[in-house]
C-alpha atoms as a PDB file:
ATOM      1  CA  MET A   1      20.309 -38.594 -11.972  1.00  0.00           C
ATOM      2  CA  ASN A   2      22.471 -37.752 -14.945  1.00  0.00           C
ATOM      3  CA  MET A   3      24.346 -34.497 -14.283  1.00  0.00           C
ATOM      4  CA  LEU A   4      26.420 -32.413 -16.662  1.00  0.00           C
ATOM      5  CA  HIS A   5      29.397 -30.543 -15.301  1.00  0.00           C
ATOM      6  CA  THR A   6      30.036 -27.031 -16.513  1.00  0.00           C
ATOM      7  CA  LEU A   7      32.494 -24.356 -15.460  1.00  0.00           C
ATOM      8  CA  SER A   8      29.928 -23.164 -12.943  1.00  0.00           C
ATOM      9  CA  GLY A   9      29.371 -26.655 -11.512  1.00  0.00           C
ATOM     10  CA  PRO A  10      27.013 -29.564 -12.083  1.00  0.00           C
ATOM     11  CA  THR A  11      23.732 -28.884 -13.840  1.00  0.00           C
ATOM     12  CA  ASP A  12      20.619 -30.959 -14.370  1.00  0.00           C
ATOM     13  CA  PRO A  13      20.153 -31.356 -18.141  1.00  0.00           C
ATOM     14  CA  GLY A  14      16.378 -31.496 -17.640  1.00  0.00           C
ATOM     15  CA  ALA A  15      16.196 -28.289 -15.608  1.00  0.00           C
ATOM     16  CA  ALA A  16      14.664 -25.224 -17.196  1.00  0.00           C
ATOM     17  CA  ARG A  17      17.203 -22.638 -18.242  1.00  0.00           C
ATOM     18  CA  PRO A  18      16.554 -18.944 -17.496  1.00  0.00           C
ATOM     19  CA  GLU A  19      16.185 -18.160 -21.193  1.00  0.00           C
ATOM     20  CA  ASP A  20      13.587 -20.965 -21.523  1.00  0.00           C
ATOM     21  CA  LEU A  21      11.500 -19.219 -18.877  1.00  0.00           C
ATOM     22  CA  GLY A  22      11.636 -15.883 -20.686  1.00  0.00           C
ATOM     23  CA  TYR A  23      14.419 -14.400 -18.579  1.00  0.00           C
ATOM     24  CA  PRO A  24      17.408 -12.706 -20.218  1.00  0.00           C
ATOM     25  CA  LEU A  25      20.638 -14.673 -20.343  1.00  0.00           C
ATOM     26  CA  ASP A  26      22.338 -12.184 -18.000  1.00  0.00           C
ATOM     27  CA  ILE A  27      19.799 -12.647 -15.194  1.00  0.00           C
ATOM     28  CA  VAL A  28      22.559 -13.735 -12.834  1.00  0.00           C
ATOM     29  CA  THR A  29      24.535 -10.545 -13.441  1.00  0.00           C
ATOM     30  CA  HIS A  30      24.754  -8.825 -10.077  1.00  0.00           C
ATOM     31  CA  LEU A  31      24.736  -5.056  -9.654  1.00  0.00           C
ATOM     32  CA  SER A  32      25.967  -2.835  -6.875  1.00  0.00           C
ATOM     33  CA  ASN A  33      23.381  -0.557  -5.288  1.00  0.00           C
ATOM     34  CA  GLY A  34      25.024   2.358  -7.109  1.00  0.00           C
ATOM     35  CA  GLU A  35      24.823   0.624 -10.486  1.00  0.00           C
ATOM     36  CA  ALA A  36      21.197  -0.329  -9.890  1.00  0.00           C
ATOM     37  CA  SER A  37      20.315   3.197  -8.788  1.00  0.00           C
ATOM     38  CA  HIS A  38      21.943   4.628 -11.926  1.00  0.00           C
ATOM     39  CA  ILE A  39      19.925   2.264 -14.135  1.00  0.00           C
ATOM     40  CA  LEU A  40      16.701   3.071 -12.277  1.00  0.00           C
ATOM     41  CA  HIS A  41      17.259   6.815 -12.702  1.00  0.00           C
ATOM     42  CA  THR A  42      18.302   6.736 -16.356  1.00  0.00           C
ATOM     43  CA  GLN A  43      16.176   4.042 -18.006  1.00  0.00           C
ATOM     44  CA  HIS A  44      12.413   3.769 -18.530  1.00  0.00           C
ATOM     45  CA  GLY A  45      12.090   7.552 -18.424  1.00  0.00           C
ATOM     46  CA  ARG A  46       8.817   7.439 -20.352  1.00  0.00           C
ATOM     47  CA  GLN A  47       7.229   5.143 -17.760  1.00  0.00           C
ATOM     48  CA  VAL A  48       8.489   7.306 -14.886  1.00  0.00           C
ATOM     49  CA  GLN A  49       6.936  10.310 -16.639  1.00  0.00           C
ATOM     50  CA  LEU A  50       3.658   8.394 -16.950  1.00  0.00           C
ATOM     51  CA  PHE A  51       3.801   7.831 -13.168  1.00  0.00           C
ATOM     52  CA  ILE A  52       4.398  11.556 -12.593  1.00  0.00           C
ATOM     53  CA  ASP A  53       1.527  12.445 -14.938  1.00  0.00           C
ATOM     54  CA  ALA A  54      -0.802   9.946 -13.240  1.00  0.00           C
ATOM     55  CA  LEU A  55      -0.335  11.719  -9.909  1.00  0.00           C
ATOM     56  CA  GLN A  56      -1.953  14.858 -11.412  1.00  0.00           C
ATOM     57  CA  MET A  57      -0.127  17.144  -8.990  1.00  0.00           C
ATOM     58  CA  LYS A  58      -0.503  20.905  -9.382  1.00  0.00           C
ATOM     59  CA  GLN A  59       3.293  21.168  -9.414  1.00  0.00           C
ATOM     60  CA  PRO A  60       4.614  17.829 -10.728  1.00  0.00           C
ATOM     61  CA  VAL A  61       7.604  16.321  -8.963  1.00  0.00           C
ATOM     62  CA  SER A  62      10.853  16.038 -10.897  1.00  0.00           C
ATOM     63  CA  HIS A  63      11.963  12.857 -12.626  1.00  0.00           C
ATOM     64  CA  ASP A  64      14.708  12.442 -10.019  1.00  0.00           C
ATOM     65  CA  VAL A  65      12.282  12.791  -7.087  1.00  0.00           C
ATOM     66  CA  ALA A  66       9.906  10.261  -8.660  1.00  0.00           C
ATOM     67  CA  ALA A  67      12.681   7.795  -9.554  1.00  0.00           C
ATOM     68  CA  SER A  68      14.172   8.034  -6.044  1.00  0.00           C
ATOM     69  CA  PHE A  69      10.754   7.435  -4.487  1.00  0.00           C
ATOM     70  CA  LEU A  70      10.081   4.452  -6.747  1.00  0.00           C
ATOM     71  CA  GLU A  71      13.480   2.983  -5.919  1.00  0.00           C
ATOM     72  CA  LEU A  72      12.845   3.223  -2.168  1.00  0.00           C
ATOM     73  CA  LEU A  73       9.286   1.994  -2.614  1.00  0.00           C
ATOM     74  CA  PHE A  74      10.249  -1.169  -4.464  1.00  0.00           C
ATOM     75  CA  LYS A  75      13.264  -1.837  -2.231  1.00  0.00           C
ATOM     76  CA  ASP A  76      11.014  -1.840   0.818  1.00  0.00           C
ATOM     77  CA  THR A  77       7.755  -3.458  -0.233  1.00  0.00           C
ATOM     78  CA  ILE A  78       5.093  -3.011  -2.832  1.00  0.00           C
ATOM     79  CA  PRO A  79       2.129  -1.301  -1.152  1.00  0.00           C
ATOM     80  CA  ALA A  80      -1.148  -3.177  -1.385  1.00  0.00           C
ATOM     81  CA  GLY A  81      -3.324  -0.081  -1.229  1.00  0.00           C
ATOM     82  CA  ALA A  82      -3.538   3.683  -1.145  1.00  0.00           C
ATOM     83  CA  SER A  83      -3.097   3.920   2.640  1.00  0.00           C
ATOM     84  CA  GLN A  84       0.220   2.042   2.464  1.00  0.00           C
ATOM     85  CA  MET A  85       1.271   4.186  -0.504  1.00  0.00           C
ATOM     86  CA  ALA A  86       0.449   7.332   1.494  1.00  0.00           C
ATOM     87  CA  ALA A  87       2.557   6.007   4.386  1.00  0.00           C
ATOM     88  CA  HIS A  88       5.510   5.512   2.024  1.00  0.00           C
ATOM     89  CA  MET A  89       5.029   9.004   0.616  1.00  0.00           C
ATOM     90  CA  HIS A  90       4.917  10.430   4.143  1.00  0.00           C
ATOM     91  CA  LYS A  91       8.102   8.516   5.024  1.00  0.00           C
ATOM     92  CA  SER A  92       9.727  10.086   1.940  1.00  0.00           C
ATOM     93  CA  GLN A  93       8.506  13.549   3.035  1.00  0.00           C
ATOM     94  CA  TRP A  94       6.270  14.125   0.023  1.00  0.00           C
ATOM     95  CA  GLU A  95       4.227  16.713   1.907  1.00  0.00           C
ATOM     96  CA  GLN A  96       6.831  19.244   0.746  1.00  0.00           C
ATOM     97  CA  TYR A  97       5.756  18.660  -2.884  1.00  0.00           C
ATOM     98  CA  LEU A  98       2.039  19.238  -2.280  1.00  0.00           C
ATOM     99  CA  ASN A  99       0.098  22.400  -3.037  1.00  0.00           C
ATOM    100  CA  THR A 100      -3.185  23.365  -1.408  1.00  0.00           C
ATOM    101  CA  PRO A 101      -5.644  21.559  -1.487  1.00  0.00           C
ATOM    102  CA  GLU A 102      -3.673  18.405  -2.451  1.00  0.00           C
ATOM    103  CA  THR A 103      -3.303  15.642   0.122  1.00  0.00           C
ATOM    104  CA  LEU A 104      -1.052  12.603   0.332  1.00  0.00           C
ATOM    105  CA  ASP A 105      -4.121  10.377   0.428  1.00  0.00           C
ATOM    106  CA  GLU A 106      -5.329  11.807  -2.885  1.00  0.00           C
ATOM    107  CA  ILE A 107      -1.919  11.486  -4.573  1.00  0.00           C
ATOM    108  CA  ALA A 108      -1.420   7.983  -3.131  1.00  0.00           C
ATOM    109  CA  ARG A 109      -4.800   6.879  -4.492  1.00  0.00           C
ATOM    110  CA  ARG A 110      -3.761   8.051  -7.969  1.00  0.00           C
ATOM    111  CA  ALA A 111      -0.416   6.265  -7.625  1.00  0.00           C
ATOM    112  CA  THR A 112      -2.210   3.062  -6.660  1.00  0.00           C
ATOM    113  CA  VAL A 113      -4.493   3.337  -9.697  1.00  0.00           C
ATOM    114  CA  PHE A 114      -1.391   3.836 -11.866  1.00  0.00           C
ATOM    115  CA  PHE A 115       0.307   0.707 -10.491  1.00  0.00           C
ATOM    116  CA  ASN A 116      -2.809  -1.300 -11.341  1.00  0.00           C
ATOM    117  CA  SER A 117      -2.500  -0.219 -14.992  1.00  0.00           C
ATOM    118  CA  GLU A 118      -0.435  -1.959 -17.664  1.00  0.00           C
ATOM    119  CA  GLU A 119       2.140   0.854 -17.623  1.00  0.00           C
ATOM    120  CA  GLY A 120       2.359   0.706 -13.833  1.00  0.00           C
ATOM    121  CA  VAL A 121       2.862  -3.045 -13.802  1.00  0.00           C
ATOM    122  CA  GLU A 122       5.583  -2.681 -16.442  1.00  0.00           C
ATOM    123  CA  LEU A 123       7.363   0.012 -14.418  1.00  0.00           C
ATOM    124  CA  GLY A 124       7.038  -1.980 -11.197  1.00  0.00           C
ATOM    125  CA  ASN A 125       8.418  -5.094 -12.865  1.00  0.00           C
ATOM    126  CA  PHE A 126      11.390  -3.138 -14.214  1.00  0.00           C
ATOM    127  CA  TYR A 127      12.236  -1.702 -10.782  1.00  0.00           C
ATOM    128  CA  THR A 128      11.779  -5.072  -9.083  1.00  0.00           C
ATOM    129  CA  ARG A 129      13.947  -6.849 -11.670  1.00  0.00           C
ATOM    130  CA  ILE A 130      16.814  -4.361 -11.321  1.00  0.00           C
ATOM    131  CA  ILE A 131      16.648  -4.197  -7.515  1.00  0.00           C
ATOM    132  CA  SER A 132      16.635  -8.003  -7.280  1.00  0.00           C
ATOM    133  CA  ARG A 133      20.042  -8.048  -8.985  1.00  0.00           C
ATOM    134  CA  THR A 134      21.771  -5.941  -6.328  1.00  0.00           C
ATOM    135  CA  THR A 135      24.506  -7.448  -4.200  1.00  0.00           C
ATOM    136  CA  ASP A 136      25.081  -4.729  -1.605  1.00  0.00           C
END
């Protein structure tokens, strides 16, 4: 096989490059957990607000609470259903944010519906992409 040698080592000239696959050129840029957390808390604010709105809580959680939850959620695993989402919310002590008669099951169901929407998929992809670049 004909190999080219670059500063980063040999490459296959026929191999797809990240930019050919639709990935940004800096996909290999690694981030510390702190850098990733900062990005996750300061970017895509509109989508995080859409998540908060989708929960339809009597007293909406803050942006920081939602962003922290999403960060932990996507670092662990992406829940397949409302019961797994409720378990993650319980683990993150979301009962403290509920008002009568709200339940975690109800809020988790709304979160699951959100993540099945275009906006939810976009937000999930953003979190997954940033978290996948962490080195710590």
